[in-house]
Amino acid sequence: MGFSAKTAYGLVALIDLAEAYASGTLVQTGEISRRHGIPERYLEQMLTSLRKAGLLNSIRGPRGGFQLTKDPAHITVAEVMAYLDGASGSEHQGDRNNSAFMVLTALDQKVEQAKASVLSATTLAQLLREREALRQPIPMFYI
């Protein structure tokens, strides 16, 4: 029940773009691809989808690249997931009117509501801050 590969790669790329947002720097797909080991052609497809959705601007050419169209504090993980994964429907087998299935369906709805709440409240800016906190060196204490 984690992120799809598409969403995970997209969010990793967007965290890099969030870091460059304040300076207005363009970030090239090759840079992101090398830094994170994401296949460049796949990354280009995802970023193009996000550009068409209005989250990114792109500039062509040797000095071109991508940049966020709005402040990372105003882009939620839920929004990114909606653009990259779309609505995912699943086909169910069995008698859905059976009480055991009804209990599982109710549980699944609670999980999805909680997940949607967390993802809607989490922004790219928050993910960037958490990434930077993880990059901080851990102090070593010697006795």
C-alpha atoms as a PDB file:
ATOM      1  CA  MET A   1       0.000   0.000   0.000  1.00  0.00           C
ATOM      2  CA  GLY A   2       2.890   2.336  -0.736  1.00  0.00           C
ATOM      3  CA  PHE A   3       3.444   4.760  -3.579  1.00  0.00           C
ATOM      4  CA  SER A   4       3.519   3.520  -7.159  1.00  0.00           C
ATOM      5  CA  ALA A   5       6.932   3.765  -8.841  1.00  0.00           C
ATOM      6  CA  LYS A   6       5.565   6.573 -10.999  1.00  0.00           C
ATOM      7  CA  THR A   7       4.459   8.611  -7.987  1.00  0.00           C
ATOM      8  CA  ALA A   8       7.632   7.888  -6.005  1.00  0.00           C
ATOM      9  CA  TYR A   9       9.865   8.977  -8.901  1.00  0.00           C
ATOM     10  CA  GLY A  10       7.685  12.021  -9.531  1.00  0.00           C
ATOM     11  CA  LEU A  11       7.788  13.106  -5.893  1.00  0.00           C
ATOM     12  CA  VAL A  12      11.568  12.656  -5.701  1.00  0.00           C
ATOM     13  CA  ALA A  13      11.948  14.856  -8.786  1.00  0.00           C
ATOM     14  CA  LEU A  14       9.528  17.439  -7.389  1.00  0.00           C
ATOM     15  CA  ILE A  15      11.471  17.623  -4.115  1.00  0.00           C
ATOM     16  CA  ASP A  16      14.534  18.588  -6.176  1.00  0.00           C
ATOM     17  CA  LEU A  17      12.450  21.178  -8.027  1.00  0.00           C
ATOM     18  CA  ALA A  18      11.106  22.468  -4.703  1.00  0.00           C
ATOM     19  CA  GLU A  19      14.675  23.016  -3.535  1.00  0.00           C
ATOM     20  CA  ALA A  20      15.422  25.098  -6.646  1.00  0.00           C
ATOM     21  CA  TYR A  21      12.146  27.053  -6.486  1.00  0.00           C
ATOM     22  CA  ALA A  22      13.315  29.964  -4.314  1.00  0.00           C
ATOM     23  CA  SER A  23      16.284  30.722  -6.556  1.00  0.00           C
ATOM     24  CA  GLY A  24      14.293  30.314  -9.769  1.00  0.00           C
ATOM     25  CA  THR A  25      16.869  27.840 -11.046  1.00  0.00           C
ATOM     26  CA  LEU A  26      15.884  25.473 -13.841  1.00  0.00           C
ATOM     27  CA  VAL A  27      16.557  21.800 -13.139  1.00  0.00           C
ATOM     28  CA  GLN A  28      17.307  19.443 -16.001  1.00  0.00           C
ATOM     29  CA  THR A  29      15.959  15.907 -16.153  1.00  0.00           C
ATOM     30  CA  GLY A  30      19.466  14.523 -16.648  1.00  0.00           C
ATOM     31  CA  GLU A  31      20.529  16.056 -13.333  1.00  0.00           C
ATOM     32  CA  ILE A  32      17.620  14.514 -11.449  1.00  0.00           C
ATOM     33  CA  SER A  33      18.086  11.195 -13.235  1.00  0.00           C
ATOM     34  CA  ARG A  34      21.775  10.945 -12.308  1.00  0.00           C
ATOM     35  CA  ARG A  35      21.266  12.121  -8.744  1.00  0.00           C
ATOM     36  CA  HIS A  36      18.515   9.602  -7.958  1.00  0.00           C
ATOM     37  CA  GLY A  37      19.005   6.772 -10.451  1.00  0.00           C
ATOM     38  CA  ILE A  38      15.676   7.386 -12.198  1.00  0.00           C
ATOM     39  CA  PRO A  39      15.479   6.396 -15.889  1.00  0.00           C
ATOM     40  CA  GLU A  40      15.655   9.703 -17.762  1.00  0.00           C
ATOM     41  CA  ARG A  41      13.061   8.934 -20.446  1.00  0.00           C
ATOM     42  CA  TYR A  42      10.570   7.784 -17.810  1.00  0.00           C
ATOM     43  CA  LEU A  43      11.277  10.916 -15.769  1.00  0.00           C
ATOM     44  CA  GLU A  44      10.710  13.125 -18.819  1.00  0.00           C
ATOM     45  CA  GLN A  45       7.286  11.528 -19.358  1.00  0.00           C
ATOM     46  CA  MET A  46       6.269  12.140 -15.742  1.00  0.00           C
ATOM     47  CA  LEU A  47       7.483  15.732 -15.753  1.00  0.00           C
ATOM     48  CA  THR A  48       5.685  16.362 -19.042  1.00  0.00           C
ATOM     49  CA  SER A  49       2.451  15.090 -17.440  1.00  0.00           C
ATOM     50  CA  LEU A  50       2.998  17.434 -14.498  1.00  0.00           C
ATOM     51  CA  ARG A  51       3.717  20.308 -16.898  1.00  0.00           C
ATOM     52  CA  LYS A  52       0.449  19.630 -18.746  1.00  0.00           C
ATOM     53  CA  ALA A  53      -1.313  19.584 -15.364  1.00  0.00           C
ATOM     54  CA  GLY A  54       0.047  23.076 -14.673  1.00  0.00           C
ATOM     55  CA  LEU A  55       2.477  22.213 -11.857  1.00  0.00           C
ATOM     56  CA  LEU A  56       5.640  22.800 -13.910  1.00  0.00           C
ATOM     57  CA  ASN A  57       7.083  25.162 -16.493  1.00  0.00           C
ATOM     58  CA  SER A  58       9.653  23.910 -18.950  1.00  0.00           C
ATOM     59  CA  ILE A  59      12.190  25.673 -21.092  1.00  0.00           C
ATOM     60  CA  ARG A  60      13.837  23.882 -23.999  1.00  0.00           C
ATOM     61  CA  GLY A  61      17.447  24.032 -25.002  1.00  0.00           C
ATOM     62  CA  PRO A  62      20.877  23.348 -23.535  1.00  0.00           C
ATOM     63  CA  ARG A  63      20.246  25.687 -20.594  1.00  0.00           C
ATOM     64  CA  GLY A  64      16.618  24.694 -20.243  1.00  0.00           C
ATOM     65  CA  GLY A  65      14.920  22.556 -17.677  1.00  0.00           C
ATOM     66  CA  PHE A  66      11.914  22.443 -15.389  1.00  0.00           C
ATOM     67  CA  GLN A  67      10.701  24.588 -12.519  1.00  0.00           C
ATOM     68  CA  LEU A  68       7.620  24.629 -10.302  1.00  0.00           C
ATOM     69  CA  THR A  69       4.832  27.028 -11.280  1.00  0.00           C
ATOM     70  CA  LYS A  70       3.877  27.723  -7.672  1.00  0.00           C
ATOM     71  CA  ASP A  71       5.314  27.676  -4.188  1.00  0.00           C
ATOM     72  CA  PRO A  72       6.095  24.138  -2.946  1.00  0.00           C
ATOM     73  CA  ALA A  73       4.076  24.941   0.176  1.00  0.00           C
ATOM     74  CA  HIS A  74       0.989  25.000  -2.049  1.00  0.00           C
ATOM     75  CA  ILE A  75       1.517  21.665  -3.836  1.00  0.00           C
ATOM     76  CA  THR A  76       0.260  18.630  -1.946  1.00  0.00           C
ATOM     77  CA  VAL A  77       1.271  15.016  -2.333  1.00  0.00           C
ATOM     78  CA  ALA A  78      -2.387  14.167  -3.002  1.00  0.00           C
ATOM     79  CA  GLU A  79      -2.421  16.606  -5.922  1.00  0.00           C
ATOM     80  CA  VAL A  80       0.725  15.063  -7.419  1.00  0.00           C
ATOM     81  CA  MET A  81      -0.673  11.547  -7.003  1.00  0.00           C
ATOM     82  CA  ALA A  82      -3.903  12.551  -8.749  1.00  0.00           C
ATOM     83  CA  TYR A  83      -1.976  13.832 -11.765  1.00  0.00           C
ATOM     84  CA  LEU A  84       0.457  10.922 -11.981  1.00  0.00           C
ATOM     85  CA  ASP A  85      -1.675   7.944 -11.014  1.00  0.00           C
ATOM     86  CA  GLY A  86      -5.162   9.224 -11.780  1.00  0.00           C
ATOM     87  CA  ALA A  87      -8.191   7.446 -10.406  1.00  0.00           C
ATOM     88  CA  SER A  88      -7.408   3.820  -9.815  1.00  0.00           C
ATOM     89  CA  GLY A  89     -10.292   1.450  -9.817  1.00  0.00           C
ATOM     90  CA  SER A  90     -10.014  -2.187  -8.922  1.00  0.00           C
ATOM     91  CA  GLU A  91     -12.236  -5.045  -9.869  1.00  0.00           C
ATOM     92  CA  HIS A  92     -13.496  -7.154  -7.007  1.00  0.00           C
ATOM     93  CA  GLN A  93     -14.537 -10.779  -7.127  1.00  0.00           C
ATOM     94  CA  GLY A  94     -16.901 -12.564  -4.829  1.00  0.00           C
ATOM     95  CA  ASP A  95     -20.225 -11.694  -3.206  1.00  0.00           C
ATOM     96  CA  ARG A  96     -19.815  -8.075  -2.079  1.00  0.00           C
ATOM     97  CA  ASN A  97     -23.077  -8.237  -0.144  1.00  0.00           C
ATOM     98  CA  ASN A  98     -21.506 -10.819   2.166  1.00  0.00           C
ATOM     99  CA  SER A  99     -20.993  -9.327   5.671  1.00  0.00           C
ATOM    100  CA  ALA A 100     -17.288 -10.263   5.728  1.00  0.00           C
ATOM    101  CA  PHE A 101     -16.689  -8.336   2.498  1.00  0.00           C
ATOM    102  CA  MET A 102     -18.775  -5.443   3.815  1.00  0.00           C
ATOM    103  CA  VAL A 103     -16.535  -5.208   6.908  1.00  0.00           C
ATOM    104  CA  LEU A 104     -13.414  -5.183   4.720  1.00  0.00           C
ATOM    105  CA  THR A 105     -14.923  -2.579   2.418  1.00  0.00           C
ATOM    106  CA  ALA A 106     -15.682  -0.335   5.401  1.00  0.00           C
ATOM    107  CA  LEU A 107     -12.128  -0.782   6.700  1.00  0.00           C
ATOM    108  CA  ASP A 108     -10.698  -0.005   3.259  1.00  0.00           C
ATOM    109  CA  GLN A 109     -12.768   3.200   3.126  1.00  0.00           C
ATOM    110  CA  LYS A 110     -11.419   4.292   6.541  1.00  0.00           C
ATOM    111  CA  VAL A 111      -7.844   3.606   5.422  1.00  0.00           C
ATOM    112  CA  GLU A 112      -8.363   5.544   2.185  1.00  0.00           C
ATOM    113  CA  GLN A 113      -9.895   8.493   4.069  1.00  0.00           C
ATOM    114  CA  ALA A 114      -6.975   8.596   6.511  1.00  0.00           C
ATOM    115  CA  LYS A 115      -4.487   8.287   3.648  1.00  0.00           C
ATOM    116  CA  ALA A 116      -6.216  11.058   1.690  1.00  0.00           C
ATOM    117  CA  SER A 117      -6.180  13.287   4.764  1.00  0.00           C
ATOM    118  CA  VAL A 118      -2.441  12.813   5.349  1.00  0.00           C
ATOM    119  CA  LEU A 119      -1.539  13.241   1.674  1.00  0.00           C
ATOM    120  CA  SER A 120      -3.694  16.347   1.309  1.00  0.00           C
ATOM    121  CA  ALA A 121      -2.011  17.898   4.340  1.00  0.00           C
ATOM    122  CA  THR A 122       1.547  17.104   3.183  1.00  0.00           C
ATOM    123  CA  THR A 123       3.230  19.598   0.848  1.00  0.00           C
ATOM    124  CA  LEU A 124       6.407  19.498  -1.214  1.00  0.00           C
ATOM    125  CA  ALA A 125       7.868  22.113   1.131  1.00  0.00           C
ATOM    126  CA  GLN A 126       7.365  19.754   4.083  1.00  0.00           C
ATOM    127  CA  LEU A 127       8.995  16.869   2.214  1.00  0.00           C
ATOM    128  CA  LEU A 128      11.933  19.115   1.336  1.00  0.00           C
ATOM    129  CA  ARG A 129      12.380  20.103   5.005  1.00  0.00           C
ATOM    130  CA  GLU A 130      12.259  16.447   6.067  1.00  0.00           C
ATOM    131  CA  ARG A 131      14.828  15.515   3.412  1.00  0.00           C
ATOM    132  CA  GLU A 132      17.146  18.296   4.562  1.00  0.00           C
ATOM    133  CA  ALA A 133      16.801  17.145   8.183  1.00  0.00           C
ATOM    134  CA  LEU A 134      17.861  13.645   7.140  1.00  0.00           C
ATOM    135  CA  ARG A 135      20.914  15.069   5.375  1.00  0.00           C
ATOM    136  CA  GLN A 136      22.188  16.732   8.556  1.00  0.00           C
ATOM    137  CA  PRO A 137      25.210  14.967  10.013  1.00  0.00           C
ATOM    138  CA  ILE A 138      24.578  12.978  13.149  1.00  0.00           C
ATOM    139  CA  PRO A 139      26.732  14.293  16.002  1.00  0.00           C
ATOM    140  CA  MET A 140      29.316  11.843  17.299  1.00  0.00           C
ATOM    141  CA  PHE A 141      30.092  11.836  20.989  1.00  0.00           C
ATOM    142  CA  TYR A 142      33.377  10.357  22.111  1.00  0.00           C
ATOM    143  CA  ILE A 143      34.201   9.331  25.624  1.00  0.00           C
END
